[in-house]
Amino acid sequence: LAAGVHNPWFQLGSSQLFSNTSVFPKHRGIKTSDSITPYINDTLLIYFHSLNCSQEFIEIYDGALYTSPLLGKICNGSNLNYESSSNAMTVLLYRNSPKSGYGFLAYYYSTSREA
């Protein structure tokens, strides 16, 4: 498992764009991950804008580790929006080979937890 990128610099209500070309370089291998962690009182909302299912798929976990509860396993179609129950979410990208697939484009943003 390749080391992910930890993102601690979020401000309340901020948003971020990421893709496998900037966060998950293709030469890293078949399984790569990224943990997204805003401020402690925030939750995360993530929206996958594009995916290619012919060679890859993504798993989204509700926490900082891939052993956290699975929110979904996707490659395309509906239900591409996910919300965390805490201030952490992990995204795993699986590929058939290091050079396969086109990757993905995703947006995520942090929101204040409801009291």
N, C-alpha and C. Protein backbone atom coordinates (compact mmCIF):
# COMPACT_ATOMS: atom_id res chain seq x y z
N LEU A 1 0.84 -1.19 0.00
CA LEU A 1 0.00 0.00 0.00
C LEU A 1 0.88 1.23 0.00
N ALA A 2 0.69 2.10 -0.95
CA ALA A 2 1.50 3.32 -1.04
C ALA A 2 1.04 4.32 0.00
N ALA A 3 1.96 5.11 0.48
CA ALA A 3 1.62 6.14 1.47
C ALA A 3 0.74 7.19 0.83
N GLY A 4 -0.27 7.63 1.56
CA GLY A 4 -1.19 8.64 1.06
C GLY A 4 -0.72 10.03 1.40
N VAL A 5 -1.51 10.99 1.03
CA VAL A 5 -1.21 12.39 1.30
C VAL A 5 -2.18 12.84 2.37
N HIS A 6 -1.67 13.34 3.50
CA HIS A 6 -2.51 13.83 4.59
C HIS A 6 -2.76 15.32 4.36
N ASN A 7 -4.00 15.74 4.47
CA ASN A 7 -4.37 17.12 4.16
C ASN A 7 -4.91 17.84 5.40
N PRO A 8 -4.06 18.35 6.30
CA PRO A 8 -4.54 18.96 7.54
C PRO A 8 -4.87 20.44 7.43
N TRP A 9 -4.76 21.06 6.27
CA TRP A 9 -4.85 22.50 6.16
C TRP A 9 -6.24 23.04 5.83
N PHE A 10 -7.28 22.24 5.99
CA PHE A 10 -8.63 22.69 5.65
C PHE A 10 -9.13 23.78 6.57
N GLN A 11 -9.91 24.66 6.03
CA GLN A 11 -10.64 25.64 6.81
C GLN A 11 -12.11 25.26 6.70
N LEU A 12 -12.90 25.68 7.67
CA LEU A 12 -14.32 25.33 7.72
C LEU A 12 -15.00 25.66 6.40
N GLY A 13 -15.64 24.69 5.80
CA GLY A 13 -16.35 24.89 4.56
C GLY A 13 -15.48 24.96 3.32
N SER A 14 -14.22 24.64 3.43
CA SER A 14 -13.33 24.72 2.28
C SER A 14 -13.54 23.52 1.36
N SER A 15 -13.06 23.64 0.13
CA SER A 15 -13.20 22.54 -0.82
C SER A 15 -11.86 22.26 -1.47
N GLN A 16 -11.76 21.08 -2.08
CA GLN A 16 -10.50 20.65 -2.69
C GLN A 16 -10.82 19.73 -3.86
N LEU A 17 -10.01 19.78 -4.88
CA LEU A 17 -10.10 18.90 -6.03
C LEU A 17 -8.90 17.98 -5.99
N PHE A 18 -9.09 16.69 -6.26
CA PHE A 18 -7.95 15.81 -6.39
C PHE A 18 -8.23 14.76 -7.43
N SER A 19 -7.16 14.20 -7.98
CA SER A 19 -7.27 13.15 -8.98
C SER A 19 -6.11 12.19 -8.78
N ASN A 20 -6.20 11.03 -9.41
CA ASN A 20 -5.11 10.07 -9.24
C ASN A 20 -3.83 10.52 -9.94
N THR A 21 -3.91 11.45 -10.86
CA THR A 21 -2.69 11.90 -11.53
C THR A 21 -1.85 12.79 -10.64
N SER A 22 -2.47 13.50 -9.68
CA SER A 22 -1.69 14.34 -8.78
C SER A 22 -1.46 13.67 -7.44
N VAL A 23 -2.42 12.89 -6.96
CA VAL A 23 -2.30 12.26 -5.65
C VAL A 23 -1.81 10.83 -5.76
N PHE A 24 -2.21 10.13 -6.80
CA PHE A 24 -1.86 8.73 -6.97
C PHE A 24 -1.09 8.54 -8.27
N PRO A 25 0.19 8.79 -8.32
CA PRO A 25 0.93 8.61 -9.58
C PRO A 25 0.83 7.17 -10.08
N LYS A 26 0.73 6.99 -11.38
CA LYS A 26 0.52 5.66 -11.96
C LYS A 26 1.67 4.70 -11.68
N HIS A 27 2.88 5.20 -11.47
CA HIS A 27 4.01 4.30 -11.25
C HIS A 27 4.03 3.71 -9.85
N ARG A 28 3.14 4.13 -8.99
CA ARG A 28 3.17 3.65 -7.61
C ARG A 28 2.65 2.23 -7.45
N GLY A 29 1.90 1.72 -8.37
CA GLY A 29 1.46 0.34 -8.24
C GLY A 29 -0.03 0.16 -8.38
N ILE A 30 -0.48 -0.97 -7.93
CA ILE A 30 -1.85 -1.38 -8.18
C ILE A 30 -2.83 -0.83 -7.15
N LYS A 31 -2.42 -0.63 -5.90
CA LYS A 31 -3.32 -0.13 -4.87
C LYS A 31 -2.67 1.08 -4.20
N THR A 32 -3.36 2.22 -4.23
CA THR A 32 -2.86 3.42 -3.59
C THR A 32 -3.96 4.04 -2.75
N SER A 33 -3.61 4.85 -1.78
CA SER A 33 -4.63 5.43 -0.91
C SER A 33 -4.33 6.88 -0.59
N ASP A 34 -5.37 7.59 -0.16
CA ASP A 34 -5.26 8.96 0.31
C ASP A 34 -6.20 9.12 1.49
N SER A 35 -5.69 9.65 2.60
CA SER A 35 -6.53 9.97 3.75
C SER A 35 -6.79 11.46 3.75
N ILE A 36 -8.05 11.83 3.86
CA ILE A 36 -8.46 13.22 3.87
C ILE A 36 -8.90 13.55 5.29
N THR A 37 -8.29 14.56 5.92
CA THR A 37 -8.62 14.89 7.31
C THR A 37 -8.67 16.40 7.50
N PRO A 38 -9.87 16.99 7.60
CA PRO A 38 -9.98 18.42 7.90
C PRO A 38 -9.93 18.64 9.41
N TYR A 39 -10.40 19.80 9.87
CA TYR A 39 -10.44 20.06 11.30
C TYR A 39 -11.30 19.04 12.03
N ILE A 40 -11.05 18.87 13.32
CA ILE A 40 -11.66 17.79 14.11
C ILE A 40 -13.18 17.85 14.17
N ASN A 41 -13.81 19.00 14.13
CA ASN A 41 -15.26 19.10 14.24
C ASN A 41 -15.96 19.10 12.89
N ASP A 42 -15.26 18.79 11.83
CA ASP A 42 -15.84 18.78 10.49
C ASP A 42 -16.17 17.36 10.04
N THR A 43 -17.06 17.27 9.06
CA THR A 43 -17.27 16.03 8.33
C THR A 43 -16.89 16.30 6.88
N LEU A 44 -16.79 15.24 6.10
CA LEU A 44 -16.39 15.36 4.70
C LEU A 44 -17.50 14.92 3.78
N LEU A 45 -17.64 15.62 2.66
CA LEU A 45 -18.51 15.22 1.57
C LEU A 45 -17.62 15.06 0.36
N ILE A 46 -17.76 13.94 -0.35
CA ILE A 46 -16.92 13.69 -1.52
C ILE A 46 -17.80 13.35 -2.71
N TYR A 47 -17.44 13.88 -3.86
CA TYR A 47 -18.18 13.67 -5.10
C TYR A 47 -17.19 13.27 -6.17
N PHE A 48 -17.41 12.12 -6.79
CA PHE A 48 -16.54 11.65 -7.87
C PHE A 48 -17.11 12.10 -9.19
N HIS A 49 -16.36 12.94 -9.88
CA HIS A 49 -16.81 13.53 -11.13
C HIS A 49 -16.63 12.58 -12.31
N SER A 50 -15.54 11.83 -12.32
CA SER A 50 -15.32 10.91 -13.44
C SER A 50 -14.53 9.70 -12.98
N LEU A 51 -14.86 8.57 -13.56
CA LEU A 51 -14.18 7.31 -13.29
C LEU A 51 -14.18 6.48 -14.57
N ASN A 52 -13.23 5.57 -14.68
CA ASN A 52 -13.18 4.65 -15.80
C ASN A 52 -13.16 3.24 -15.24
N CYS A 53 -14.22 2.47 -15.50
CA CYS A 53 -14.36 1.15 -14.89
C CYS A 53 -13.66 0.03 -15.63
N SER A 54 -13.16 0.28 -16.82
CA SER A 54 -12.60 -0.82 -17.60
C SER A 54 -11.36 -1.42 -16.95
N GLN A 55 -10.61 -0.63 -16.18
CA GLN A 55 -9.36 -1.13 -15.61
C GLN A 55 -9.21 -0.84 -14.11
N GLU A 56 -10.17 -0.18 -13.47
CA GLU A 56 -9.96 0.25 -12.09
C GLU A 56 -11.27 0.44 -11.34
N PHE A 57 -11.18 0.49 -10.01
CA PHE A 57 -12.32 0.86 -9.18
C PHE A 57 -11.81 1.52 -7.91
N ILE A 58 -12.73 2.13 -7.16
CA ILE A 58 -12.39 2.88 -5.96
C ILE A 58 -13.21 2.37 -4.79
N GLU A 59 -12.59 2.33 -3.61
CA GLU A 59 -13.29 2.06 -2.36
C GLU A 59 -13.16 3.29 -1.47
N ILE A 60 -14.27 3.67 -0.80
CA ILE A 60 -14.29 4.83 0.08
C ILE A 60 -14.59 4.34 1.49
N TYR A 61 -13.73 4.70 2.45
CA TYR A 61 -13.87 4.27 3.84
C TYR A 61 -14.17 5.46 4.75
N ASP A 62 -14.99 5.21 5.76
CA ASP A 62 -15.42 6.23 6.71
C ASP A 62 -14.45 6.32 7.88
N GLY A 63 -13.25 6.82 7.61
CA GLY A 63 -12.23 6.95 8.64
C GLY A 63 -10.86 7.10 8.02
N ALA A 64 -9.85 7.19 8.88
CA ALA A 64 -8.49 7.45 8.41
C ALA A 64 -7.76 6.22 7.90
N LEU A 65 -8.34 5.04 8.06
CA LEU A 65 -7.68 3.80 7.64
C LEU A 65 -8.58 3.01 6.71
N TYR A 66 -7.98 2.17 5.88
CA TYR A 66 -8.80 1.32 5.00
C TYR A 66 -9.44 0.17 5.76
N THR A 67 -9.21 0.08 7.07
CA THR A 67 -9.91 -0.89 7.91
C THR A 67 -11.16 -0.27 8.54
N SER A 68 -11.42 1.01 8.27
CA SER A 68 -12.63 1.69 8.74
C SER A 68 -13.83 1.15 7.98
N PRO A 69 -15.07 1.47 8.43
CA PRO A 69 -16.26 0.99 7.71
C PRO A 69 -16.27 1.44 6.25
N LEU A 70 -16.63 0.52 5.37
CA LEU A 70 -16.69 0.81 3.93
C LEU A 70 -17.96 1.60 3.62
N LEU A 71 -17.81 2.77 3.00
CA LEU A 71 -18.95 3.56 2.56
C LEU A 71 -19.43 3.13 1.19
N GLY A 72 -18.52 2.71 0.34
CA GLY A 72 -18.91 2.30 -0.99
C GLY A 72 -17.75 1.83 -1.83
N LYS A 73 -18.09 1.05 -2.85
CA LYS A 73 -17.13 0.56 -3.83
C LYS A 73 -17.71 0.94 -5.18
N ILE A 74 -17.00 1.77 -5.93
CA ILE A 74 -17.58 2.33 -7.14
C ILE A 74 -16.61 2.28 -8.31
N CYS A 75 -17.18 2.37 -9.50
CA CYS A 75 -16.38 2.64 -10.68
C CYS A 75 -17.10 3.60 -11.61
N ASN A 76 -18.41 3.55 -11.70
CA ASN A 76 -19.17 4.57 -12.43
C ASN A 76 -20.65 4.44 -12.09
N GLY A 77 -21.47 5.27 -12.70
CA GLY A 77 -22.89 5.19 -12.48
C GLY A 77 -23.36 6.12 -11.38
N SER A 78 -24.40 5.69 -10.66
CA SER A 78 -25.00 6.53 -9.64
C SER A 78 -24.33 6.33 -8.29
N ASN A 79 -24.78 7.09 -7.31
CA ASN A 79 -24.29 7.04 -5.94
C ASN A 79 -22.79 7.32 -5.86
N LEU A 80 -22.39 8.41 -6.45
CA LEU A 80 -20.99 8.80 -6.42
C LEU A 80 -20.71 9.87 -5.37
N ASN A 81 -21.66 10.11 -4.46
CA ASN A 81 -21.50 11.08 -3.38
C ASN A 81 -21.45 10.35 -2.05
N TYR A 82 -20.50 10.71 -1.21
CA TYR A 82 -20.34 10.06 0.09
C TYR A 82 -20.05 11.09 1.16
N GLU A 83 -20.56 10.84 2.38
CA GLU A 83 -20.32 11.73 3.51
C GLU A 83 -19.76 10.92 4.67
N SER A 84 -18.74 11.46 5.31
CA SER A 84 -18.13 10.78 6.46
C SER A 84 -18.93 11.06 7.72
N SER A 85 -18.77 10.21 8.72
CA SER A 85 -19.40 10.44 10.02
C SER A 85 -18.44 11.14 10.97
N SER A 86 -17.19 11.30 10.55
CA SER A 86 -16.18 11.97 11.37
C SER A 86 -15.37 12.90 10.49
N ASN A 87 -14.20 13.28 10.97
CA ASN A 87 -13.37 14.20 10.20
C ASN A 87 -12.32 13.49 9.35
N ALA A 88 -12.56 12.23 8.99
CA ALA A 88 -11.58 11.51 8.18
C ALA A 88 -12.27 10.60 7.18
N MET A 89 -11.64 10.45 6.03
CA MET A 89 -12.13 9.57 4.97
C MET A 89 -10.91 9.04 4.22
N THR A 90 -10.97 7.79 3.79
CA THR A 90 -9.88 7.18 3.03
C THR A 90 -10.41 6.72 1.68
N VAL A 91 -9.65 7.01 0.63
CA VAL A 91 -10.01 6.62 -0.73
C VAL A 91 -8.92 5.68 -1.23
N LEU A 92 -9.31 4.47 -1.65
CA LEU A 92 -8.38 3.50 -2.22
C LEU A 92 -8.69 3.34 -3.70
N LEU A 93 -7.66 3.43 -4.53
CA LEU A 93 -7.78 3.20 -5.96
C LEU A 93 -7.13 1.86 -6.28
N TYR A 94 -7.88 0.96 -6.91
CA TYR A 94 -7.36 -0.34 -7.35
C TYR A 94 -7.26 -0.33 -8.86
N ARG A 95 -6.15 -0.85 -9.38
CA ARG A 95 -5.94 -0.95 -10.82
C ARG A 95 -5.55 -2.36 -11.20
N ASN A 96 -5.86 -2.75 -12.44
CA ASN A 96 -5.44 -4.05 -12.94
C ASN A 96 -3.93 -4.13 -13.08
N SER A 97 -3.30 -3.03 -13.42
CA SER A 97 -1.85 -2.94 -13.51
C SER A 97 -1.45 -1.49 -13.28
N PRO A 98 -0.17 -1.23 -13.00
CA PRO A 98 0.25 0.15 -12.75
C PRO A 98 -0.01 1.11 -13.90
N LYS A 99 -0.10 0.61 -15.13
CA LYS A 99 -0.29 1.49 -16.28
C LYS A 99 -1.71 1.46 -16.83
N SER A 100 -2.63 0.78 -16.17
CA SER A 100 -3.98 0.65 -16.70
C SER A 100 -4.90 1.75 -16.18
N GLY A 101 -5.97 1.98 -16.92
CA GLY A 101 -7.01 2.92 -16.50
C GLY A 101 -6.64 4.37 -16.72
N TYR A 102 -7.67 5.20 -16.57
CA TYR A 102 -7.50 6.64 -16.74
C TYR A 102 -7.51 7.38 -15.43
N GLY A 103 -7.89 6.72 -14.36
CA GLY A 103 -7.94 7.38 -13.07
C GLY A 103 -9.28 8.06 -12.83
N PHE A 104 -9.29 9.01 -11.91
CA PHE A 104 -10.53 9.66 -11.54
C PHE A 104 -10.29 11.12 -11.21
N LEU A 105 -11.39 11.84 -11.13
CA LEU A 105 -11.40 13.23 -10.70
C LEU A 105 -12.46 13.32 -9.61
N ALA A 106 -12.12 13.90 -8.46
CA ALA A 106 -13.06 13.99 -7.35
C ALA A 106 -12.97 15.35 -6.70
N TYR A 107 -14.08 15.78 -6.12
CA TYR A 107 -14.14 17.00 -5.33
C TYR A 107 -14.54 16.61 -3.92
N TYR A 108 -13.95 17.25 -2.94
CA TYR A 108 -14.43 17.05 -1.58
C TYR A 108 -14.39 18.36 -0.83
N TYR A 109 -15.25 18.47 0.17
CA TYR A 109 -15.23 19.66 1.00
C TYR A 109 -15.62 19.30 2.42
N SER A 110 -15.16 20.13 3.35
CA SER A 110 -15.44 19.90 4.76
C SER A 110 -16.58 20.81 5.19
N THR A 111 -17.41 20.30 6.09
CA THR A 111 -18.52 21.07 6.64
C THR A 111 -18.52 20.89 8.15
N SER A 112 -19.05 21.86 8.84
CA SER A 112 -19.14 21.78 10.29
C SER A 112 -20.17 20.74 10.68
N ARG A 113 -19.85 19.94 11.68
CA ARG A 113 -20.80 18.94 12.17
C ARG A 113 -21.97 19.61 12.85
N GLU A 114 -23.15 19.07 12.62
CA GLU A 114 -24.36 19.58 13.28
C GLU A 114 -24.29 19.22 14.76
N ALA A 115 -24.69 20.15 15.61
CA ALA A 115 -24.63 19.91 17.06
C ALA A 115 -25.76 19.01 17.51
